[in-house]
Amino acid sequence: MLHSLSDDSFKKVIINPDIKTLRNMSQHKEITTEFNSPCYISKVRNRSAKNTYVVNDIPLGVDQQGINRIEADKIVNEVNHYLKNREVLRIDRKMGMNNKFSFNCRLYITKEYSRIAYMWNNTLFSPIDKDNPELISVYVPEWPEKIIIVYPEEGITYILGTDYFGEAKKSFLRMAMYRVKKMGGLGLHAGSKVLRVKDKKGNLNDVGFIMFGLSGTGKTTLTIHDHGLTGEEKVIIRQDDVIFMDKDGSCAGTENGFFIKTEGLNESQKVLYNAAISPNAIFENVKVYNDGKVDFNNTELTSNGRGIVLREEIESTDKNIDLNKAHKLIFITRRNDIIPPVVKLTASQAVTFFMLGESIETSAGDPTKAGQSKRCVGTNPFIIGPESEEGHRLYQILKQNPDMECYLLNTGSVGKKDDFKGEKITIKVSTTIMKEVAKDNIEWQLDKDWGYLVPKNVPGIDIQKYNPKNYYTKIEYKNLINKLKNERTEWLNRFHSLNKKIASSIA
């Protein structure tokens, strides 16, 4: 039974081996790199979203798959019976350092897959209370059926038939976000950072940013970027993946390790590259040659190669993982036609874009659809419960905190047409925009087609170069607007309980 899951449920439990022991236990699976770090190759190389089910004792969202408790318990009982004759590892870790939003986490995994335990150990913090786990994941990669079963009320996840590390990482974050929502907060798939900048009067201010974005769409790049700030002005990186927002707009951090995509990583990406070449990094599904040479450009194994790097080895971090206030919310999208590099949103418009979650699919989600247009509420595929609840909670927070401003940032292109791929919005453009947003230096004007504000002038950027209207005839532009509005309306209509005022603020 779930409520009686304990160390006695297994033949033998190896409790909290240290880092060195975990690596030694995983030696039979290790490919040692030129950096003296380990790389492991998994059979499954991306998340199994289509095989993930939530026990439907609670109302579920439009895009969530439910499973009857009786059916789920039947599978779990078979797994528990199997585990009575197996050796497992037990790893206890702490998620978050915040007094309100932090959780005791415990992973049970069959001994053969110690590499996953080793990797997961490096993503969270040392445990404070090892005897009272609040969130538990039971991981059996060798199970013959691929299925992930989530028991949200119990805080337990069974991960079966897949050996992809990301399932372990996300299982705890998924359950924690659900818990935070029940506590009155909001779990968000977003990075967080502080830009310490001078305002127009020369005063130095800390401006808190959170960045929403699906894996692989630029969220990590923007989170760790220094924005060219020097001297007194600087960046302080908080979190890369998931944060917990409270009613006052403060954001608690969750993790001690960054789970980075390694495809194309090179020395020009100084911050990530330096962390990745540390002997403390751990790679999964990255090409390593017989001599240990690492090839981040080789995607023979997968385009979803990954690395876990320690947060402390990321330049511009400090000991604090929490954000005092999210002054600026950045919704990252990646489109290539009529979305400008940045737009400024009202609270209701921001919630609409939160619900739209417009971006492109990446190899981290569904490799067969990588590059295709995608919508995912909050760009967060780990929501449990009706998606509209998340939107309404965000709206309440924004209305209670009028000093919080929201922006849509396009990291793709503008003007795609026929054989023209569009004018690429470079990383430099995006990071400059964020810097000038922090400094409040952007001059805005109303876009009458959409009702949001678009930039008239951005210091350091020829913003007219990225005006979508310059690339289309009036008829072409109007047709693209109508097409996008229809798509958005159709998407939002799926969420029947969504406040109609919010749903109509853009479309």
Protein backbone atom coordinates (compact mmCIF):
# COMPACT_ATOMS: atom_id res chain seq x y z
CA MET A 1 0.00 0.00 0.00
CA LEU A 2 1.15 3.54 -0.73
CA HIS A 3 0.78 4.88 2.78
CA SER A 4 3.04 2.13 4.14
CA LEU A 5 5.88 2.60 1.64
CA SER A 6 9.12 2.48 3.64
CA ASP A 7 12.59 0.94 3.69
CA ASP A 8 10.98 -2.33 4.77
CA SER A 9 9.22 -2.51 1.40
CA PHE A 10 12.44 -3.66 -0.26
CA LYS A 11 14.83 -6.60 0.07
CA LYS A 12 17.73 -4.31 0.89
CA VAL A 13 18.10 -0.52 1.03
CA ILE A 14 21.37 1.34 0.62
CA ILE A 15 20.72 4.62 2.40
CA ASN A 16 22.24 7.89 1.25
CA PRO A 17 25.64 6.82 -0.11
CA ASP A 18 27.93 9.80 -0.65
CA ILE A 19 28.83 11.31 -4.02
CA LYS A 20 32.04 9.35 -4.42
CA THR A 21 30.30 6.07 -3.63
CA LEU A 22 27.47 6.82 -6.07
CA ARG A 23 29.93 7.48 -8.87
CA ASN A 24 31.87 4.32 -8.05
CA MET A 25 28.62 2.31 -8.05
CA SER A 26 27.89 3.70 -11.52
CA GLN A 27 31.35 3.01 -12.92
CA HIS A 28 30.10 0.14 -15.09
CA LYS A 29 27.94 2.61 -16.99
CA GLU A 30 30.40 5.51 -17.08
CA ILE A 31 32.19 6.93 -20.08
CA THR A 32 34.89 9.16 -18.60
CA THR A 33 35.35 12.46 -20.41
CA GLU A 34 38.46 14.54 -21.07
CA PHE A 35 37.33 16.67 -18.11
CA ASN A 36 37.36 13.63 -15.81
CA SER A 37 33.59 13.88 -15.53
CA PRO A 38 31.18 10.99 -16.20
CA CYS A 39 28.84 10.60 -19.14
CA TYR A 40 26.04 8.03 -19.24
CA ILE A 41 23.96 6.79 -22.15
CA SER A 42 20.28 6.03 -21.53
CA LYS A 43 17.96 3.90 -23.65
CA VAL A 44 15.17 6.48 -23.42
CA ARG A 45 16.39 9.96 -24.34
CA ASN A 46 13.53 12.32 -23.62
CA ARG A 47 10.58 12.64 -21.27
CA SER A 48 7.69 10.21 -21.77
CA ALA A 49 4.83 12.71 -21.62
CA LYS A 50 2.45 10.40 -23.48
CA ASN A 51 3.03 7.71 -20.86
CA THR A 52 2.43 9.96 -17.83
CA TYR A 53 -0.84 9.60 -15.90
CA VAL A 54 -2.26 11.40 -12.88
CA VAL A 55 -4.52 9.48 -10.51
CA ASN A 56 -7.82 11.21 -11.13
CA ASP A 57 -9.11 11.59 -7.59
CA ILE A 58 -8.96 15.33 -8.28
CA PRO A 59 -10.20 17.42 -11.24
CA LEU A 60 -7.61 17.34 -14.01
CA GLY A 61 -6.75 19.79 -16.72
CA VAL A 62 -7.53 19.66 -20.40
CA ASP A 63 -4.08 18.37 -21.35
CA GLN A 64 -3.57 15.90 -18.50
CA GLN A 65 -4.10 12.16 -18.72
CA GLY A 66 -5.97 10.55 -15.86
CA ILE A 67 -5.83 7.03 -14.54
CA ASN A 68 -8.37 5.35 -12.30
CA ARG A 69 -7.03 4.73 -8.79
CA ILE A 70 -7.97 1.05 -8.92
CA GLU A 71 -6.04 0.58 -12.15
CA ALA A 72 -3.08 2.58 -10.83
CA ASP A 73 -2.99 0.66 -7.54
CA LYS A 74 -3.02 -2.63 -9.44
CA ILE A 75 0.15 -1.69 -11.33
CA VAL A 76 1.80 -0.25 -8.24
CA ASN A 77 1.06 -3.36 -6.18
CA GLU A 78 2.76 -5.47 -8.84
CA VAL A 79 5.76 -3.15 -8.72
CA ASN A 80 5.89 -3.25 -4.93
CA HIS A 81 5.79 -7.04 -5.01
CA TYR A 82 8.72 -7.04 -7.45
CA LEU A 83 10.71 -4.64 -5.27
CA LYS A 84 10.46 -6.90 -2.21
CA ASN A 85 13.19 -8.97 -3.85
CA ARG A 86 15.35 -6.12 -5.10
CA GLU A 87 18.16 -3.98 -3.76
CA VAL A 88 17.39 -0.29 -4.00
CA LEU A 89 19.12 2.98 -3.28
CA ARG A 90 17.45 5.57 -1.05
CA ILE A 91 18.49 9.16 -1.60
CA ASP A 92 17.13 11.94 0.62
CA ARG A 93 17.46 15.55 -0.50
CA LYS A 94 15.94 18.94 0.22
CA MET A 95 14.15 21.02 -2.40
CA GLY A 96 14.46 24.74 -1.75
CA MET A 97 15.84 26.78 1.12
CA ASN A 98 12.75 28.86 1.79
CA ASN A 99 10.99 28.54 5.15
CA LYS A 100 7.55 28.34 3.52
CA PHE A 101 8.12 26.58 0.22
CA SER A 102 10.64 23.76 0.69
CA PHE A 103 10.16 20.00 0.70
CA ASN A 104 11.85 16.85 1.97
CA CYS A 105 12.33 14.61 -1.06
CA ARG A 106 13.15 10.90 -1.24
CA LEU A 107 14.08 8.80 -4.27
CA TYR A 108 14.00 5.01 -4.28
CA ILE A 109 15.63 3.47 -7.34
CA THR A 110 16.84 -0.03 -8.18
CA LYS A 111 20.56 -0.38 -7.56
CA GLU A 112 21.47 -1.11 -11.17
CA TYR A 113 20.52 2.49 -12.05
CA SER A 114 22.69 4.22 -9.46
CA ARG A 115 23.73 6.74 -12.14
CA ILE A 116 20.26 8.31 -11.97
CA ALA A 117 20.53 8.56 -8.19
CA TYR A 118 23.95 10.17 -8.62
CA MET A 119 22.59 12.73 -11.06
CA TRP A 120 19.52 13.54 -8.99
CA ASN A 121 21.63 13.95 -5.86
CA ASN A 122 23.42 16.84 -7.57
CA THR A 123 20.25 18.77 -8.37
CA LEU A 124 18.99 19.39 -4.82
CA PHE A 125 20.35 20.32 -1.40
CA SER A 126 21.60 18.28 1.54
CA PRO A 127 18.71 16.95 3.61
CA ILE A 128 17.77 18.51 6.95
CA ASP A 129 15.08 16.00 7.91
CA LYS A 130 15.78 12.50 6.55
CA ASP A 131 13.01 10.82 8.52
CA ASN A 132 9.95 12.63 7.19
CA PRO A 133 9.84 12.64 3.39
CA GLU A 134 7.05 14.78 1.95
CA LEU A 135 7.58 13.83 -1.70
CA ILE A 136 8.62 10.34 -2.83
CA SER A 137 9.48 8.90 -6.22
CA VAL A 138 9.91 5.18 -6.83
CA TYR A 139 11.95 4.58 -9.97
CA VAL A 140 12.13 1.16 -11.65
CA PRO A 141 13.71 1.71 -15.09
CA GLU A 142 13.78 -2.02 -15.92
CA TRP A 143 9.99 -2.42 -15.60
CA PRO A 144 8.61 -3.96 -18.83
CA GLU A 145 5.90 -1.30 -19.29
CA LYS A 146 6.72 2.38 -19.74
CA ILE A 147 4.36 4.33 -17.49
CA ILE A 148 4.65 7.18 -14.99
CA ILE A 149 1.92 7.23 -12.33
CA VAL A 150 1.46 10.35 -10.23
CA TYR A 151 -0.43 10.29 -6.93
CA PRO A 152 -0.74 14.05 -6.27
CA GLU A 153 -2.49 13.88 -2.91
CA GLU A 154 0.00 11.38 -1.48
CA GLY A 155 2.99 13.11 -3.09
CA ILE A 156 4.20 9.86 -4.64
CA THR A 157 5.27 9.12 -8.21
CA TYR A 158 6.09 5.72 -9.74
CA ILE A 159 8.44 5.97 -12.73
CA LEU A 160 8.47 2.72 -14.66
CA GLY A 161 10.09 1.46 -17.85
CA THR A 162 12.24 4.51 -18.68
CA ASP A 163 15.83 5.29 -17.72
CA TYR A 164 15.82 8.99 -18.71
CA PHE A 165 17.07 11.08 -15.80
CA GLY A 166 14.68 13.95 -16.49
CA GLU A 167 11.76 11.85 -15.24
CA ALA A 168 13.28 11.73 -11.75
CA LYS A 169 14.01 15.45 -11.67
CA LYS A 170 10.59 16.50 -12.94
CA SER A 171 8.65 14.05 -10.79
CA PHE A 172 9.58 15.97 -7.65
CA LEU A 173 9.13 19.41 -9.21
CA ARG A 174 5.70 18.39 -10.54
CA MET A 175 4.52 17.24 -7.11
CA ALA A 176 6.02 20.28 -5.38
CA MET A 177 4.26 22.72 -7.73
CA TYR A 178 0.97 21.04 -6.92
CA ARG A 179 1.65 21.35 -3.20
CA VAL A 180 2.56 25.03 -3.55
CA LYS A 181 -0.69 25.73 -5.40
CA LYS A 182 -2.64 24.13 -2.56
CA MET A 183 -0.71 26.39 -0.15
CA GLY A 184 -1.89 29.52 -1.97
CA GLY A 185 1.20 30.07 -4.12
CA LEU A 186 2.01 29.22 -7.71
CA GLY A 187 4.64 26.84 -9.05
CA LEU A 188 6.15 28.17 -12.25
CA HIS A 189 8.41 26.66 -14.90
CA ALA A 190 10.67 29.71 -14.97
CA GLY A 191 14.20 30.90 -14.40
CA SER A 192 14.98 33.78 -12.05
CA LYS A 193 17.68 36.42 -11.76
CA VAL A 194 18.45 39.91 -10.50
CA LEU A 195 19.69 42.74 -12.70
CA ARG A 196 21.47 45.31 -10.53
CA VAL A 197 21.30 48.45 -12.65
CA LYS A 198 21.38 52.22 -12.38
CA ASP A 199 18.14 54.08 -13.02
CA LYS A 200 17.83 57.43 -14.82
CA LYS A 201 18.89 59.24 -11.66
CA GLY A 202 21.97 57.09 -11.26
CA ASN A 203 20.58 55.12 -8.31
CA LEU A 204 21.54 51.44 -8.12
CA ASN A 205 18.47 49.15 -7.99
CA ASP A 206 17.98 45.38 -7.83
CA VAL A 207 15.36 44.41 -10.40
CA GLY A 208 14.00 40.87 -10.12
CA PHE A 209 13.23 38.95 -13.33
CA ILE A 210 11.55 35.63 -13.97
CA MET A 211 11.65 34.04 -17.42
CA PHE A 212 9.04 31.55 -18.64
CA GLY A 213 9.95 29.23 -21.48
CA LEU A 214 9.85 25.63 -22.62
CA SER A 215 13.10 23.68 -22.42
CA GLY A 216 15.31 24.52 -25.37
CA THR A 217 13.74 27.89 -26.24
CA GLY A 218 16.33 30.20 -24.70
CA LYS A 219 15.25 30.31 -21.05
CA THR A 220 18.56 29.08 -19.66
CA THR A 221 20.57 31.29 -22.03
CA LEU A 222 18.70 34.40 -20.91
CA THR A 223 18.79 33.32 -17.27
CA ILE A 224 22.57 33.03 -17.10
CA HIS A 225 23.50 35.94 -19.43
CA ASP A 226 25.43 38.92 -18.02
CA HIS A 227 23.69 41.48 -20.30
CA GLY A 228 27.03 43.27 -20.73
CA LEU A 229 26.76 44.81 -17.27
CA THR A 230 30.03 45.90 -15.64
CA GLY A 231 31.28 47.67 -12.55
CA GLU A 232 28.58 48.29 -9.95
CA GLU A 233 25.99 47.01 -12.38
CA LYS A 234 25.81 43.24 -12.53
CA VAL A 235 23.67 40.10 -12.81
CA ILE A 236 22.91 37.73 -9.94
CA ILE A 237 21.56 34.37 -11.09
CA ARG A 238 19.00 32.68 -8.87
CA GLN A 239 17.33 29.68 -10.57
CA ASP A 240 17.14 27.98 -13.93
CA ASP A 241 14.06 25.78 -14.00
CA VAL A 242 11.26 25.99 -11.41
CA ILE A 243 10.31 28.62 -8.83
CA PHE A 244 7.47 29.00 -6.33
CA MET A 245 5.74 32.41 -6.38
CA ASP A 246 3.96 33.67 -3.28
CA LYS A 247 1.10 36.17 -3.13
CA ASP A 248 3.47 39.11 -2.65
CA GLY A 249 5.41 38.32 -5.84
CA SER A 250 8.39 36.82 -4.04
CA CYS A 251 9.79 33.66 -5.64
CA ALA A 252 11.35 30.75 -3.75
CA GLY A 253 14.03 28.75 -5.52
CA THR A 254 14.13 24.97 -5.73
CA GLU A 255 17.38 23.48 -7.00
CA ASN A 256 21.14 23.42 -6.49
CA GLY A 257 22.01 22.11 -9.95
CA PHE A 258 21.24 23.33 -13.46
CA PHE A 259 20.02 20.79 -16.03
CA ILE A 260 21.43 22.24 -19.25
CA LYS A 261 21.03 21.33 -22.90
CA THR A 262 24.48 20.70 -24.33
CA GLU A 263 23.82 20.74 -28.08
CA GLY A 264 26.14 23.28 -29.71
CA LEU A 265 27.73 24.32 -26.42
CA ASN A 266 31.04 26.10 -27.01
CA GLU A 267 33.50 28.53 -25.44
CA SER A 268 31.54 31.56 -26.67
CA GLN A 269 28.88 30.58 -24.11
CA LYS A 270 31.37 31.29 -21.37
CA VAL A 271 29.23 30.81 -18.25
CA LEU A 272 27.65 27.48 -19.20
CA TYR A 273 30.77 26.16 -20.91
CA ASN A 274 33.01 26.76 -17.90
CA ALA A 275 30.55 24.97 -15.63
CA ALA A 276 30.18 22.11 -18.12
CA ILE A 277 33.92 21.37 -18.32
CA SER A 278 34.18 20.98 -14.54
CA PRO A 279 34.93 17.45 -13.26
CA ASN A 280 31.80 17.87 -11.12
CA ALA A 281 29.53 18.01 -14.18
CA ILE A 282 27.56 14.92 -15.17
CA PHE A 283 26.52 14.29 -18.78
CA GLU A 284 23.73 12.21 -20.25
CA ASN A 285 23.54 11.23 -23.92
CA VAL A 286 26.41 13.49 -25.00
CA LYS A 287 28.83 12.17 -27.62
CA VAL A 288 32.16 11.17 -26.06
CA TYR A 289 34.86 9.55 -28.22
CA ASN A 290 37.13 6.69 -27.13
CA ASP A 291 39.84 9.13 -26.05
CA GLY A 292 37.38 11.03 -23.82
CA LYS A 293 36.94 13.94 -26.22
CA VAL A 294 33.50 15.54 -25.80
CA ASP A 295 31.67 16.64 -28.96
CA PHE A 296 28.78 18.92 -28.09
CA ASN A 297 27.96 19.37 -31.78
CA ASN A 298 27.45 15.66 -32.46
CA THR A 299 23.76 14.71 -32.22
CA GLU A 300 24.06 11.05 -33.29
CA LEU A 301 22.74 9.92 -29.92
CA THR A 302 20.08 12.63 -29.63
CA SER A 303 19.62 16.35 -30.03
CA ASN A 304 18.56 16.31 -26.37
CA GLY A 305 22.02 15.82 -24.86
CA ARG A 306 22.08 17.05 -21.27
CA GLY A 307 24.40 18.03 -18.48
CA ILE A 308 23.98 18.63 -14.77
CA VAL A 309 26.22 21.42 -13.54
CA LEU A 310 26.50 22.65 -9.98
CA ARG A 311 24.90 26.01 -9.37
CA GLU A 312 27.96 27.16 -7.41
CA GLU A 313 30.06 26.69 -10.54
CA ILE A 314 27.83 29.04 -12.53
CA GLU A 315 29.41 32.48 -12.60
CA SER A 316 27.30 35.27 -11.02
CA THR A 317 25.46 33.07 -8.53
CA ASP A 318 25.52 33.63 -4.78
CA LYS A 319 24.24 31.63 -1.82
CA ASN A 320 20.67 32.88 -2.21
CA ILE A 321 18.32 30.98 -4.52
CA ASP A 322 15.21 33.06 -3.71
CA LEU A 323 14.00 36.25 -5.39
CA ASN A 324 12.67 38.99 -3.11
CA LYS A 325 10.28 40.17 -5.81
CA ALA A 326 9.59 39.36 -9.44
CA HIS A 327 9.44 42.93 -10.72
CA LYS A 328 9.50 41.83 -14.37
CA LEU A 329 7.84 38.71 -15.81
CA ILE A 330 9.20 37.67 -19.20
CA PHE A 331 7.16 35.25 -21.33
CA ILE A 332 9.59 33.81 -23.87
CA THR A 333 8.15 32.75 -27.20
CA ARG A 334 9.90 31.67 -30.36
CA ARG A 335 8.00 32.58 -33.48
CA ASN A 336 9.13 33.80 -36.87
CA ASP A 337 6.50 36.08 -38.40
CA ILE A 338 4.51 38.92 -36.78
CA ILE A 339 5.55 38.90 -33.11
CA PRO A 340 7.96 41.79 -32.34
CA PRO A 341 11.12 41.22 -30.26
CA VAL A 342 9.28 42.53 -27.18
CA VAL A 343 5.83 43.76 -26.18
CA LYS A 344 4.59 45.16 -22.87
CA LEU A 345 1.43 43.59 -21.45
CA THR A 346 -1.37 44.48 -19.07
CA ALA A 347 -2.15 42.01 -16.28
CA SER A 348 -5.01 40.40 -18.20
CA GLN A 349 -2.94 40.24 -21.39
CA ALA A 350 -0.09 38.64 -19.44
CA VAL A 351 -2.41 35.93 -18.12
CA THR A 352 -3.67 35.35 -21.65
CA PHE A 353 -0.13 34.74 -22.85
CA PHE A 354 0.47 32.56 -19.80
CA MET A 355 -2.50 30.45 -20.90
CA LEU A 356 -1.40 30.48 -24.54
CA GLY A 357 2.18 29.42 -23.73
CA GLU A 358 3.21 29.93 -27.35
CA SER A 359 6.55 28.54 -28.45
CA ILE A 360 8.05 25.73 -30.49
CA GLU A 361 8.43 22.07 -29.63
CA THR A 362 11.94 20.96 -28.68
CA SER A 363 13.77 17.65 -28.58
CA ALA A 364 13.39 17.69 -24.78
CA GLY A 365 9.65 17.23 -25.19
CA ASP A 366 8.75 15.42 -28.42
CA PRO A 367 11.77 15.03 -30.75
CA THR A 368 9.50 13.96 -33.63
CA LYS A 369 7.88 17.41 -33.57
CA ALA A 370 10.95 19.52 -32.80
CA GLY A 371 10.71 22.93 -34.46
CA GLN A 372 6.94 22.83 -34.87
CA SER A 373 4.61 25.40 -33.34
CA LYS A 374 3.47 24.45 -29.85
CA ARG A 375 1.23 25.80 -27.09
CA CYS A 376 1.53 24.75 -23.46
CA VAL A 377 -0.11 26.62 -20.57
CA GLY A 378 2.56 28.49 -18.63
CA THR A 379 5.04 26.67 -20.90
CA ASN A 380 4.76 24.16 -18.06
CA PRO A 381 3.88 20.57 -19.05
CA PHE A 382 3.94 19.54 -15.36
CA ILE A 383 0.75 21.25 -14.15
CA ILE A 384 -1.63 19.10 -12.09
CA GLY A 385 -5.28 20.22 -12.00
CA PRO A 386 -7.32 22.59 -14.19
CA GLU A 387 -5.00 24.91 -16.12
CA SER A 388 -7.34 27.87 -15.64
CA GLU A 389 -6.65 27.72 -11.89
CA GLU A 390 -3.04 28.61 -12.63
CA GLY A 391 -4.05 31.55 -14.81
CA HIS A 392 -6.50 32.90 -12.25
CA ARG A 393 -3.92 32.60 -9.45
CA LEU A 394 -1.38 34.53 -11.53
CA TYR A 395 -3.98 37.21 -12.28
CA GLN A 396 -4.72 37.63 -8.56
CA ILE A 397 -1.02 38.04 -7.79
CA LEU A 398 -0.52 40.59 -10.57
CA LYS A 399 -3.54 42.65 -9.51
CA GLN A 400 -2.35 42.64 -5.89
CA ASN A 401 1.13 43.77 -6.98
CA PRO A 402 0.78 46.58 -9.54
CA ASP A 403 4.57 47.11 -9.48
CA MET A 404 5.00 43.78 -11.29
CA GLU A 405 5.31 44.32 -15.06
CA CYS A 406 4.90 41.71 -17.79
CA TYR A 407 6.49 41.35 -21.20
CA LEU A 408 6.42 38.97 -24.15
CA LEU A 409 9.90 38.35 -25.58
CA ASN A 410 10.29 36.74 -29.00
CA THR A 411 13.63 34.93 -29.40
CA GLY A 412 12.88 33.71 -32.92
CA SER A 413 12.60 35.89 -36.02
CA VAL A 414 10.29 38.39 -37.66
CA GLY A 415 9.11 38.60 -41.25
CA LYS A 416 9.33 34.99 -42.42
CA LYS A 417 7.96 34.79 -45.93
CA ASP A 418 8.46 32.40 -48.82
CA ASP A 419 12.20 31.58 -48.94
CA PHE A 420 13.12 34.28 -46.42
CA LYS A 421 13.60 32.72 -42.98
CA GLY A 422 12.98 36.04 -41.27
CA GLU A 423 15.16 38.61 -39.55
CA LYS A 424 16.78 36.71 -36.70
CA ILE A 425 16.34 38.18 -33.22
CA THR A 426 19.78 37.57 -31.79
CA ILE A 427 20.73 36.83 -28.19
CA LYS A 428 22.30 40.29 -28.05
CA VAL A 429 19.00 41.90 -29.03
CA SER A 430 17.05 39.94 -26.41
CA THR A 431 19.55 40.57 -23.61
CA THR A 432 19.80 44.27 -24.47
CA ILE A 433 16.01 44.54 -24.34
CA MET A 434 15.93 42.94 -20.88
CA LYS A 435 18.64 45.32 -19.65
CA GLU A 436 16.75 48.35 -20.92
CA VAL A 437 13.51 47.03 -19.43
CA ALA A 438 15.30 46.88 -16.07
CA LYS A 439 16.51 50.46 -16.54
CA ASP A 440 13.06 51.62 -17.74
CA ASN A 441 14.65 53.13 -20.84
CA ILE A 442 12.29 51.80 -23.55
CA GLU A 443 9.86 54.15 -25.24
CA TRP A 444 6.54 52.43 -25.96
CA GLN A 445 3.60 52.95 -28.32
CA LEU A 446 0.24 51.24 -28.71
CA ASP A 447 -0.20 48.46 -31.26
CA LYS A 448 -3.80 49.00 -32.39
CA ASP A 449 -4.11 45.50 -33.85
CA TRP A 450 -3.37 43.76 -30.54
CA GLY A 451 -3.91 46.35 -27.82
CA TYR A 452 -0.50 45.85 -26.23
CA LEU A 453 2.51 48.19 -26.25
CA VAL A 454 5.35 47.76 -28.72
CA PRO A 455 8.76 49.46 -28.61
CA LYS A 456 9.19 52.76 -30.41
CA ASN A 457 12.78 53.15 -29.30
CA VAL A 458 15.25 50.85 -27.53
CA PRO A 459 18.74 52.17 -26.70
CA GLY A 460 21.41 50.22 -28.55
CA ILE A 461 19.01 48.55 -31.04
CA ASP A 462 17.69 49.58 -34.44
CA ILE A 463 14.24 48.44 -33.42
CA GLN A 464 12.62 49.28 -36.77
CA LYS A 465 14.73 46.53 -38.29
CA TYR A 466 12.56 44.13 -36.30
CA ASN A 467 9.16 45.71 -37.02
CA PRO A 468 7.08 42.87 -38.54
CA LYS A 469 4.99 45.32 -40.56
CA ASN A 470 8.02 46.16 -42.69
CA TYR A 471 8.13 42.64 -44.14
CA TYR A 472 4.55 42.19 -45.37
CA THR A 473 1.97 43.93 -47.49
CA LYS A 474 -1.04 45.27 -45.56
CA ILE A 475 -3.16 42.37 -46.80
CA GLU A 476 -0.51 39.77 -45.90
CA TYR A 477 -0.11 41.27 -42.45
CA LYS A 478 -3.85 41.38 -41.83
CA ASN A 479 -4.24 37.76 -42.93
CA LEU A 480 -1.48 36.66 -40.54
CA ILE A 481 -3.15 38.59 -37.71
CA ASN A 482 -6.52 36.96 -38.38
CA LYS A 483 -4.95 33.51 -38.61
CA LEU A 484 -3.13 33.93 -35.30
CA LYS A 485 -6.19 35.36 -33.56
CA ASN A 486 -8.29 32.41 -34.72
CA GLU A 487 -5.66 29.94 -33.49
CA ARG A 488 -5.49 31.66 -30.13
CA THR A 489 -9.26 31.83 -29.75
CA GLU A 490 -9.57 28.13 -30.56
CA TRP A 491 -6.88 27.29 -27.99
CA LEU A 492 -8.34 29.44 -25.20
CA ASN A 493 -11.86 28.09 -25.80
CA ARG A 494 -10.61 24.71 -24.57
CA PHE A 495 -10.46 26.09 -21.02
CA HIS A 496 -14.13 26.44 -20.18
CA SER A 497 -13.62 27.84 -16.67
CA LEU A 498 -11.21 30.57 -17.79
CA ASN A 499 -12.37 34.11 -17.01
CA LYS A 500 -13.80 35.41 -20.30
CA LYS A 501 -12.34 38.87 -19.74
CA ILE A 502 -8.87 37.35 -19.65
CA ALA A 503 -9.55 35.03 -22.56
CA SER A 504 -10.60 37.93 -24.82
CA SER A 505 -7.83 40.38 -23.89
CA ILE A 506 -5.67 39.45 -26.89
CA ALA A 507 -7.67 37.30 -29.26
